Amino acid sequence: MIAAPKPPYDELVAAWKALRRTHGLRVREVACVGAPRTLLVAEAGADHRPTINLSAGMHGDEPAAPWALLSIVTDRLLDENYAYRIWPCINPSGYVAGTRANAEGHDVNRSFSRGGQTPESRAIVTANRDRRFAMSIDLHEDYEAAGFYGFEPLAPGARPRFVAAAVAAVEAAGLPIQDLADVSFDLGSPPEARACQTIGHGTVTVDAREESRYFSDGLTMSLFLLRQTAAVGLTFETPLGRPWNDRIAMHRIAVTTAIALVE
């Protein structure tokens, strides 16, 4: 259950475009090739600075994440030592319909292989071509979860540095953390992928190369970016059953904590 009415998508778009005047954001719309819709993309910071990719709204039935991302930018919580590429709502047709899938019935977060297999993923892959990111963070929500948790897929030789710190910061704020010890809890990945996942207190660290083998239908955005353009790829999940403001707060804390650790 969503604890507050979901604001209309048009309000989200208007709020981001208003930040052009108040925050100097560069906000534009990119075409979804083969579909009659566009995606918002916002950019902030000087081009010469290391860039961080932020995204939300991959699944249309996870509505607090896009508004959490908006609040982070509106309240000027982003570290100004970095530039940012921001995708405020990757799946606008799903957001409007309140569905996980896009208008064509596809899960966008299983479509980042082969140059993008949905209009949304193709738009993002094309726009991010030839870009490098110091970090990528994708914000989600989970209808089964009772608390916050996060994923940190690791490139070969890398050690986890970010997700445990984000979880600790959320917990320190008095917000609940998901118990992931129960193997029946659905992490959204193929069951076979459990073999390359390490479960901690609200944390899932992943051998990204091994896990990618199990996404035969298409990669997630985080796995694709980690393979192609990002040094770090994180996914944060808030519990849909919690009050709206709690979910917003969880994402705000997790994102700002992770960014503070970028070297």
C-alpha atoms as a PDB file:
ATOM      1  CA  MET A   1       0.000   0.000   0.000  1.00  0.00           C
ATOM      2  CA  ILE A   2       1.195   3.490  -0.843  1.00  0.00           C
ATOM      3  CA  ALA A   3       0.844   5.657   2.250  1.00  0.00           C
ATOM      4  CA  ALA A   4       0.131   8.861   0.334  1.00  0.00           C
ATOM      5  CA  PRO A   5      -1.575   9.686  -2.969  1.00  0.00           C
ATOM      6  CA  LYS A   6       0.811   9.412  -5.904  1.00  0.00           C
ATOM      7  CA  PRO A   7       1.345  12.877  -7.434  1.00  0.00           C
ATOM      8  CA  PRO A   8       0.637  13.077 -11.185  1.00  0.00           C
ATOM      9  CA  TYR A   9       3.513  12.614 -13.601  1.00  0.00           C
ATOM     10  CA  ASP A  10       2.879  16.066 -15.114  1.00  0.00           C
ATOM     11  CA  GLU A  11       3.625  17.595 -11.703  1.00  0.00           C
ATOM     12  CA  LEU A  12       6.935  15.750 -11.563  1.00  0.00           C
ATOM     13  CA  VAL A  13       7.892  17.053 -15.014  1.00  0.00           C
ATOM     14  CA  ALA A  14       6.884  20.616 -14.129  1.00  0.00           C
ATOM     15  CA  ALA A  15       8.872  20.489 -10.885  1.00  0.00           C
ATOM     16  CA  TRP A  16      12.041  19.392 -12.682  1.00  0.00           C
ATOM     17  CA  LYS A  17      11.667  22.012 -15.383  1.00  0.00           C
ATOM     18  CA  ALA A  18      11.182  24.695 -12.724  1.00  0.00           C
ATOM     19  CA  LEU A  19      14.653  23.859 -11.403  1.00  0.00           C
ATOM     20  CA  ARG A  20      16.116  25.372 -14.575  1.00  0.00           C
ATOM     21  CA  ARG A  21      15.368  28.800 -13.126  1.00  0.00           C
ATOM     22  CA  THR A  22      16.089  28.210  -9.442  1.00  0.00           C
ATOM     23  CA  HIS A  23      18.991  25.735  -9.563  1.00  0.00           C
ATOM     24  CA  GLY A  24      20.569  26.267 -12.979  1.00  0.00           C
ATOM     25  CA  LEU A  25      19.788  22.690 -14.008  1.00  0.00           C
ATOM     26  CA  ARG A  26      19.945  21.758 -17.664  1.00  0.00           C
ATOM     27  CA  VAL A  27      16.715  19.842 -18.275  1.00  0.00           C
ATOM     28  CA  ARG A  28      15.656  18.387 -21.615  1.00  0.00           C
ATOM     29  CA  GLU A  29      13.596  15.565 -23.069  1.00  0.00           C
ATOM     30  CA  VAL A  30      15.023  12.754 -25.179  1.00  0.00           C
ATOM     31  CA  ALA A  31      12.960  10.730 -27.612  1.00  0.00           C
ATOM     32  CA  CYS A  32      12.087   7.102 -27.000  1.00  0.00           C
ATOM     33  CA  VAL A  33      12.707   5.713 -30.479  1.00  0.00           C
ATOM     34  CA  GLY A  34       9.757   3.642 -31.608  1.00  0.00           C
ATOM     35  CA  ALA A  35       7.370   4.959 -28.953  1.00  0.00           C
ATOM     36  CA  PRO A  36       5.324   8.172 -28.669  1.00  0.00           C
ATOM     37  CA  ARG A  37       6.935   9.401 -25.458  1.00  0.00           C
ATOM     38  CA  THR A  38      10.054  11.092 -24.127  1.00  0.00           C
ATOM     39  CA  LEU A  39      12.283  10.760 -21.096  1.00  0.00           C
ATOM     40  CA  LEU A  40      13.378  13.654 -18.935  1.00  0.00           C
ATOM     41  CA  VAL A  41      17.101  14.011 -18.377  1.00  0.00           C
ATOM     42  CA  ALA A  42      18.673  16.670 -16.176  1.00  0.00           C
ATOM     43  CA  GLU A  43      22.308  17.662 -15.856  1.00  0.00           C
ATOM     44  CA  ALA A  44      24.125  19.683 -13.244  1.00  0.00           C
ATOM     45  CA  GLY A  45      27.714  20.685 -12.623  1.00  0.00           C
ATOM     46  CA  ALA A  46      30.701  21.447 -14.790  1.00  0.00           C
ATOM     47  CA  ASP A  47      31.599  18.977 -17.531  1.00  0.00           C
ATOM     48  CA  HIS A  48      35.211  18.643 -16.348  1.00  0.00           C
ATOM     49  CA  ARG A  49      34.159  17.169 -12.993  1.00  0.00           C
ATOM     50  CA  PRO A  50      33.671  13.435 -12.384  1.00  0.00           C
ATOM     51  CA  THR A  51      30.067  12.570 -13.250  1.00  0.00           C
ATOM     52  CA  ILE A  52      27.541  10.599 -11.212  1.00  0.00           C
ATOM     53  CA  ASN A  53      24.502   9.018 -12.862  1.00  0.00           C
ATOM     54  CA  LEU A  54      21.270   9.062 -10.824  1.00  0.00           C
ATOM     55  CA  SER A  55      17.985   7.449 -11.845  1.00  0.00           C
ATOM     56  CA  ALA A  56      14.541   6.550 -10.521  1.00  0.00           C
ATOM     57  CA  GLY A  57      11.155   5.398 -11.754  1.00  0.00           C
ATOM     58  CA  MET A  58      12.366   2.296 -13.570  1.00  0.00           C
ATOM     59  CA  HIS A  59       9.167   0.564 -12.459  1.00  0.00           C
ATOM     60  CA  GLY A  60       5.996   2.615 -12.590  1.00  0.00           C
ATOM     61  CA  ASP A  61       4.525   1.122  -9.425  1.00  0.00           C
ATOM     62  CA  GLU A  62       7.442   2.421  -7.316  1.00  0.00           C
ATOM     63  CA  PRO A  63       6.429   6.090  -7.151  1.00  0.00           C
ATOM     64  CA  ALA A  64       8.296   7.484  -4.145  1.00  0.00           C
ATOM     65  CA  ALA A  65      11.716   7.020  -5.761  1.00  0.00           C
ATOM     66  CA  PRO A  66      11.269   9.741  -8.439  1.00  0.00           C
ATOM     67  CA  TRP A  67      10.061  12.200  -5.815  1.00  0.00           C
ATOM     68  CA  ALA A  68      12.944  11.316  -3.506  1.00  0.00           C
ATOM     69  CA  LEU A  69      15.359  12.099  -6.332  1.00  0.00           C
ATOM     70  CA  LEU A  70      13.605  15.406  -6.960  1.00  0.00           C
ATOM     71  CA  SER A  71      13.811  16.313  -3.258  1.00  0.00           C
ATOM     72  CA  ILE A  72      17.540  15.555  -3.152  1.00  0.00           C
ATOM     73  CA  VAL A  73      18.170  18.004  -5.980  1.00  0.00           C
ATOM     74  CA  THR A  74      15.654  20.610  -4.818  1.00  0.00           C
ATOM     75  CA  ASP A  75      17.176  20.707  -1.341  1.00  0.00           C
ATOM     76  CA  ARG A  76      20.698  20.978  -2.800  1.00  0.00           C
ATOM     77  CA  LEU A  77      21.938  17.807  -1.127  1.00  0.00           C
ATOM     78  CA  LEU A  78      24.225  16.773  -3.996  1.00  0.00           C
ATOM     79  CA  ASP A  79      27.958  17.240  -3.522  1.00  0.00           C
ATOM     80  CA  GLU A  80      28.993  20.069  -5.827  1.00  0.00           C
ATOM     81  CA  ASN A  81      32.413  18.490  -6.409  1.00  0.00           C
ATOM     82  CA  TYR A  82      30.712  16.254  -8.993  1.00  0.00           C
ATOM     83  CA  ALA A  83      28.672  16.699 -12.132  1.00  0.00           C
ATOM     84  CA  TYR A  84      25.397  14.772 -12.449  1.00  0.00           C
ATOM     85  CA  ARG A  85      23.356  13.134 -15.149  1.00  0.00           C
ATOM     86  CA  ILE A  86      19.874  12.507 -13.741  1.00  0.00           C
ATOM     87  CA  TRP A  87      17.016  10.407 -15.127  1.00  0.00           C
ATOM     88  CA  PRO A  88      14.035  11.543 -13.010  1.00  0.00           C
ATOM     89  CA  CYS A  89      11.593   8.858 -14.194  1.00  0.00           C
ATOM     90  CA  ILE A  90      12.803   6.175 -16.577  1.00  0.00           C
ATOM     91  CA  ASN A  91       9.373   4.613 -17.127  1.00  0.00           C
ATOM     92  CA  PRO A  92       6.824   7.441 -17.457  1.00  0.00           C
ATOM     93  CA  SER A  93       4.166   5.280 -19.127  1.00  0.00           C
ATOM     94  CA  GLY A  94       4.387   2.809 -16.252  1.00  0.00           C
ATOM     95  CA  TYR A  95       4.283   5.631 -13.694  1.00  0.00           C
ATOM     96  CA  VAL A  96       1.066   6.997 -15.198  1.00  0.00           C
ATOM     97  CA  ALA A  97      -0.519   3.539 -15.339  1.00  0.00           C
ATOM     98  CA  GLY A  98       0.822   2.438 -11.956  1.00  0.00           C
ATOM     99  CA  THR A  99       2.418  -0.657 -13.481  1.00  0.00           C
ATOM    100  CA  ARG A 100       5.838  -2.241 -13.175  1.00  0.00           C
ATOM    101  CA  ALA A 101       6.095  -2.616 -16.948  1.00  0.00           C
ATOM    102  CA  ASN A 102       6.102   0.065 -19.635  1.00  0.00           C
ATOM    103  CA  ALA A 103       3.246   0.702 -22.078  1.00  0.00           C
ATOM    104  CA  GLU A 104       4.311  -2.272 -24.196  1.00  0.00           C
ATOM    105  CA  GLY A 105       4.282  -4.597 -21.163  1.00  0.00           C
ATOM    106  CA  HIS A 106       8.069  -4.924 -20.856  1.00  0.00           C
ATOM    107  CA  ASP A 107      10.200  -4.693 -17.732  1.00  0.00           C
ATOM    108  CA  VAL A 108      12.608  -1.901 -18.629  1.00  0.00           C
ATOM    109  CA  ASN A 109      15.093  -3.161 -16.053  1.00  0.00           C
ATOM    110  CA  ARG A 110      15.572  -6.350 -18.034  1.00  0.00           C
ATOM    111  CA  SER A 111      16.209  -4.599 -21.330  1.00  0.00           C
ATOM    112  CA  PHE A 112      19.699  -3.067 -21.246  1.00  0.00           C
ATOM    113  CA  SER A 113      21.381  -5.652 -23.473  1.00  0.00           C
ATOM    114  CA  ARG A 114      22.192  -5.295 -27.172  1.00  0.00           C
ATOM    115  CA  GLY A 115      21.948  -1.529 -27.288  1.00  0.00           C
ATOM    116  CA  GLY A 116      18.636  -1.426 -25.422  1.00  0.00           C
ATOM    117  CA  GLN A 117      15.608  -3.634 -25.990  1.00  0.00           C
ATOM    118  CA  THR A 118      12.875  -1.173 -24.968  1.00  0.00           C
ATOM    119  CA  PRO A 119      12.321   2.418 -26.113  1.00  0.00           C
ATOM    120  CA  GLU A 120      13.413   3.628 -22.670  1.00  0.00           C
ATOM    121  CA  SER A 121      16.627   1.615 -22.449  1.00  0.00           C
ATOM    122  CA  ARG A 122      17.571   2.524 -26.039  1.00  0.00           C
ATOM    123  CA  ALA A 123      17.182   6.202 -25.191  1.00  0.00           C
ATOM    124  CA  ILE A 124      19.415   5.856 -22.131  1.00  0.00           C
ATOM    125  CA  VAL A 125      22.063   3.709 -23.815  1.00  0.00           C
ATOM    126  CA  THR A 126      22.236   6.166 -26.709  1.00  0.00           C
ATOM    127  CA  ALA A 127      22.409   9.242 -24.481  1.00  0.00           C
ATOM    128  CA  ASN A 128      25.104   7.686 -22.276  1.00  0.00           C
ATOM    129  CA  ARG A 129      27.264   6.537 -25.161  1.00  0.00           C
ATOM    130  CA  ASP A 130      30.877   7.640 -24.719  1.00  0.00           C
ATOM    131  CA  ARG A 131      30.218   8.764 -21.140  1.00  0.00           C
ATOM    132  CA  ARG A 132      32.046   7.573 -18.036  1.00  0.00           C
ATOM    133  CA  PHE A 133      30.533   7.712 -14.562  1.00  0.00           C
ATOM    134  CA  ALA A 134      32.300   7.683 -11.211  1.00  0.00           C
ATOM    135  CA  MET A 135      29.134   6.133  -9.790  1.00  0.00           C
ATOM    136  CA  SER A 136      25.621   5.183 -10.835  1.00  0.00           C
ATOM    137  CA  ILE A 137      22.722   4.930  -8.353  1.00  0.00           C
ATOM    138  CA  ASP A 138      19.304   3.564  -9.297  1.00  0.00           C
ATOM    139  CA  LEU A 139      16.402   4.104  -6.865  1.00  0.00           C
ATOM    140  CA  HIS A 140      13.686   1.463  -6.483  1.00  0.00           C
ATOM    141  CA  GLU A 141      10.935   0.280  -4.134  1.00  0.00           C
ATOM    142  CA  ASP A 142       9.892  -3.226  -3.070  1.00  0.00           C
ATOM    143  CA  TYR A 143       6.290  -4.183  -2.243  1.00  0.00           C
ATOM    144  CA  GLU A 144       7.432  -7.235  -0.240  1.00  0.00           C
ATOM    145  CA  ALA A 145      10.035  -5.487   1.882  1.00  0.00           C
ATOM    146  CA  ALA A 146       9.541  -4.216   5.412  1.00  0.00           C
ATOM    147  CA  GLY A 147      12.741  -2.165   5.445  1.00  0.00           C
ATOM    148  CA  PHE A 148      15.473  -0.585   3.356  1.00  0.00           C
ATOM    149  CA  TYR A 149      18.141  -2.606   1.549  1.00  0.00           C
ATOM    150  CA  GLY A 150      20.622  -2.200  -1.272  1.00  0.00           C
ATOM    151  CA  PHE A 151      22.697  -3.938  -3.932  1.00  0.00           C
ATOM    152  CA  GLU A 152      26.340  -3.367  -4.755  1.00  0.00           C
ATOM    153  CA  PRO A 153      27.489  -5.372  -7.798  1.00  0.00           C
ATOM    154  CA  LEU A 154      31.246  -5.635  -7.959  1.00  0.00           C
ATOM    155  CA  ALA A 155      33.595  -5.603 -10.901  1.00  0.00           C
ATOM    156  CA  PRO A 156      36.427  -8.179 -10.818  1.00  0.00           C
ATOM    157  CA  GLY A 157      38.854  -7.377  -8.016  1.00  0.00           C
ATOM    158  CA  ALA A 158      36.641  -4.692  -6.424  1.00  0.00           C
ATOM    159  CA  ARG A 159      35.650  -4.651  -2.758  1.00  0.00           C
ATOM    160  CA  PRO A 160      32.302  -3.416  -1.395  1.00  0.00           C
ATOM    161  CA  ARG A 161      32.532   0.110  -0.004  1.00  0.00           C
ATOM    162  CA  PHE A 162      29.187   1.787  -0.364  1.00  0.00           C
ATOM    163  CA  VAL A 163      26.059  -0.217   0.330  1.00  0.00           C
ATOM    164  CA  ALA A 164      26.877  -1.132   3.944  1.00  0.00           C
ATOM    165  CA  ALA A 165      27.556   2.518   4.742  1.00  0.00           C
ATOM    166  CA  ALA A 166      24.239   3.555   3.184  1.00  0.00           C
ATOM    167  CA  VAL A 167      22.364   0.918   5.173  1.00  0.00           C
ATOM    168  CA  ALA A 168      24.088   1.966   8.402  1.00  0.00           C
ATOM    169  CA  ALA A 169      23.155   5.607   7.827  1.00  0.00           C
ATOM    170  CA  VAL A 170      19.504   4.737   7.172  1.00  0.00           C
ATOM    171  CA  GLU A 171      19.412   2.604  10.313  1.00  0.00           C
ATOM    172  CA  ALA A 172      21.077   5.348  12.371  1.00  0.00           C
ATOM    173  CA  ALA A 173      18.196   7.630  11.382  1.00  0.00           C
ATOM    174  CA  GLY A 174      15.790   5.212  13.082  1.00  0.00           C
ATOM    175  CA  LEU A 175      14.422   3.698   9.877  1.00  0.00           C
ATOM    176  CA  PRO A 176      13.969  -0.069   9.416  1.00  0.00           C
ATOM    177  CA  ILE A 177      16.342  -2.353   7.534  1.00  0.00           C
ATOM    178  CA  GLN A 178      15.134  -5.407   5.623  1.00  0.00           C
ATOM    179  CA  ASP A 179      16.104  -8.827   6.968  1.00  0.00           C
ATOM    180  CA  LEU A 180      17.553 -10.629   3.967  1.00  0.00           C
ATOM    181  CA  ALA A 181      18.584 -13.830   5.743  1.00  0.00           C
ATOM    182  CA  ASP A 182      15.406 -15.663   4.661  1.00  0.00           C
ATOM    183  CA  VAL A 183      16.236 -17.292   1.333  1.00  0.00           C
ATOM    184  CA  SER A 184      12.552 -17.127   0.361  1.00  0.00           C
ATOM    185  CA  PHE A 185      12.727 -13.324   0.188  1.00  0.00           C
ATOM    186  CA  ASP A 186      12.610 -12.392  -3.492  1.00  0.00           C
ATOM    187  CA  LEU A 187      15.565 -10.227  -4.469  1.00  0.00           C
ATOM    188  CA  GLY A 188      14.231  -9.809  -8.002  1.00  0.00           C
ATOM    189  CA  SER A 189      17.063 -11.716  -9.627  1.00  0.00           C
ATOM    190  CA  PRO A 190      16.989 -15.235 -11.073  1.00  0.00           C
ATOM    191  CA  PRO A 191      17.160 -17.845  -8.259  1.00  0.00           C
ATOM    192  CA  GLU A 192      20.363 -19.237  -9.741  1.00  0.00           C
ATOM    193  CA  ALA A 193      22.058 -15.897  -9.125  1.00  0.00           C
ATOM    194  CA  ARG A 194      22.014 -16.515  -5.359  1.00  0.00           C
ATOM    195  CA  ALA A 195      25.253 -18.411  -5.816  1.00  0.00           C
ATOM    196  CA  CYS A 196      27.118 -15.206  -6.691  1.00  0.00           C
ATOM    197  CA  GLN A 197      25.424 -12.987  -4.081  1.00  0.00           C
ATOM    198  CA  THR A 198      26.689 -12.311  -0.565  1.00  0.00           C
ATOM    199  CA  ILE A 199      23.934 -11.370   1.871  1.00  0.00           C
ATOM    200  CA  GLY A 200      24.588  -9.046   4.800  1.00  0.00           C
ATOM    201  CA  HIS A 201      22.586  -6.776   7.070  1.00  0.00           C
ATOM    202  CA  GLY A 202      20.355  -5.121   4.490  1.00  0.00           C
ATOM    203  CA  THR A 203      23.061  -5.584   1.883  1.00  0.00           C
ATOM    204  CA  VAL A 204      23.502  -7.692  -1.222  1.00  0.00           C
ATOM    205  CA  THR A 205      26.964  -7.667  -2.758  1.00  0.00           C
ATOM    206  CA  VAL A 206      27.227  -9.348  -6.113  1.00  0.00           C
ATOM    207  CA  ASP A 207      29.853 -10.714  -8.452  1.00  0.00           C
ATOM    208  CA  ALA A 208      28.616  -8.645 -11.385  1.00  0.00           C
ATOM    209  CA  ARG A 209      30.310 -10.692 -14.079  1.00  0.00           C
ATOM    210  CA  GLU A 210      28.838 -13.954 -12.781  1.00  0.00           C
ATOM    211  CA  GLU A 211      25.385 -12.517 -12.114  1.00  0.00           C
ATOM    212  CA  SER A 212      25.177 -11.106 -15.638  1.00  0.00           C
ATOM    213  CA  ARG A 213      25.212 -14.649 -16.982  1.00  0.00           C
ATOM    214  CA  TYR A 214      21.815 -15.314 -15.413  1.00  0.00           C
ATOM    215  CA  PHE A 215      20.019 -12.369 -17.054  1.00  0.00           C
ATOM    216  CA  SER A 216      19.561 -14.082 -20.400  1.00  0.00           C
ATOM    217  CA  ASP A 217      16.557 -11.920 -21.352  1.00  0.00           C
ATOM    218  CA  GLY A 218      18.384  -8.643 -20.792  1.00  0.00           C
ATOM    219  CA  LEU A 219      20.644  -6.888 -18.295  1.00  0.00           C
ATOM    220  CA  THR A 220      19.535  -4.562 -15.536  1.00  0.00           C
ATOM    221  CA  MET A 221      20.583  -0.941 -15.868  1.00  0.00           C
ATOM    222  CA  SER A 222      23.085  -1.227 -12.999  1.00  0.00           C
ATOM    223  CA  LEU A 223      24.779  -4.302 -14.463  1.00  0.00           C
ATOM    224  CA  PHE A 224      24.905  -2.723 -17.923  1.00  0.00           C
ATOM    225  CA  LEU A 225      26.400   0.550 -16.680  1.00  0.00           C
ATOM    226  CA  LEU A 226      28.910  -1.256 -14.498  1.00  0.00           C
ATOM    227  CA  ARG A 227      29.997  -3.297 -17.508  1.00  0.00           C
ATOM    228  CA  GLN A 228      30.116  -0.352 -19.914  1.00  0.00           C
ATOM    229  CA  THR A 229      30.455   3.086 -18.349  1.00  0.00           C
ATOM    230  CA  ALA A 230      30.332   3.195 -14.525  1.00  0.00           C
ATOM    231  CA  ALA A 231      33.023   2.500 -11.940  1.00  0.00           C
ATOM    232  CA  VAL A 232      30.370   1.766  -9.285  1.00  0.00           C
ATOM    233  CA  GLY A 233      26.732   0.748  -9.714  1.00  0.00           C
ATOM    234  CA  LEU A 234      24.343   0.776  -6.736  1.00  0.00           C
ATOM    235  CA  THR A 235      20.648  -0.031  -6.401  1.00  0.00           C
ATOM    236  CA  PHE A 236      18.662   1.102  -3.360  1.00  0.00           C
ATOM    237  CA  GLU A 237      15.263  -0.335  -2.390  1.00  0.00           C
ATOM    238  CA  THR A 238      12.690   1.172  -0.016  1.00  0.00           C
ATOM    239  CA  PRO A 239       9.617  -0.685   1.326  1.00  0.00           C
ATOM    240  CA  LEU A 240       6.362   0.276  -0.408  1.00  0.00           C
ATOM    241  CA  GLY A 241       4.392  -0.476   2.751  1.00  0.00           C
ATOM    242  CA  ARG A 242       6.104   2.259   4.759  1.00  0.00           C
ATOM    243  CA  PRO A 243       4.820   5.854   4.918  1.00  0.00           C
ATOM    244  CA  TRP A 244       5.679   8.019   1.911  1.00  0.00           C
ATOM    245  CA  ASN A 245       7.926  10.368   3.877  1.00  0.00           C
ATOM    246  CA  ASP A 246       9.911   7.455   5.333  1.00  0.00           C
ATOM    247  CA  ARG A 247      10.636   6.142   1.868  1.00  0.00           C
ATOM    248  CA  ILE A 248      11.715   9.565   0.671  1.00  0.00           C
ATOM    249  CA  ALA A 249      13.992   9.916   3.702  1.00  0.00           C
ATOM    250  CA  MET A 250      15.597   6.504   3.154  1.00  0.00           C
ATOM    251  CA  HIS A 251      16.611   7.359  -0.394  1.00  0.00           C
ATOM    252  CA  ARG A 252      17.863  10.815   0.571  1.00  0.00           C
ATOM    253  CA  ILE A 253      20.094   9.368   3.279  1.00  0.00           C
ATOM    254  CA  ALA A 254      21.377   6.481   1.168  1.00  0.00           C
ATOM    255  CA  VAL A 255      22.209   8.577  -1.887  1.00  0.00           C
ATOM    256  CA  THR A 256      24.027  11.319  -0.006  1.00  0.00           C
ATOM    257  CA  THR A 257      25.930   8.759   2.081  1.00  0.00           C
ATOM    258  CA  ALA A 258      27.116   6.843  -0.980  1.00  0.00           C
ATOM    259  CA  ILE A 259      28.189   9.963  -2.863  1.00  0.00           C
ATOM    260  CA  ALA A 260      30.212  11.135   0.139  1.00  0.00           C
ATOM    261  CA  LEU A 261      32.366   7.991  -0.220  1.00  0.00           C
ATOM    262  CA  VAL A 262      33.284   8.469  -3.885  1.00  0.00           C
ATOM    263  CA  GLU A 263      37.004   8.970  -4.345  1.00  0.00           C
END
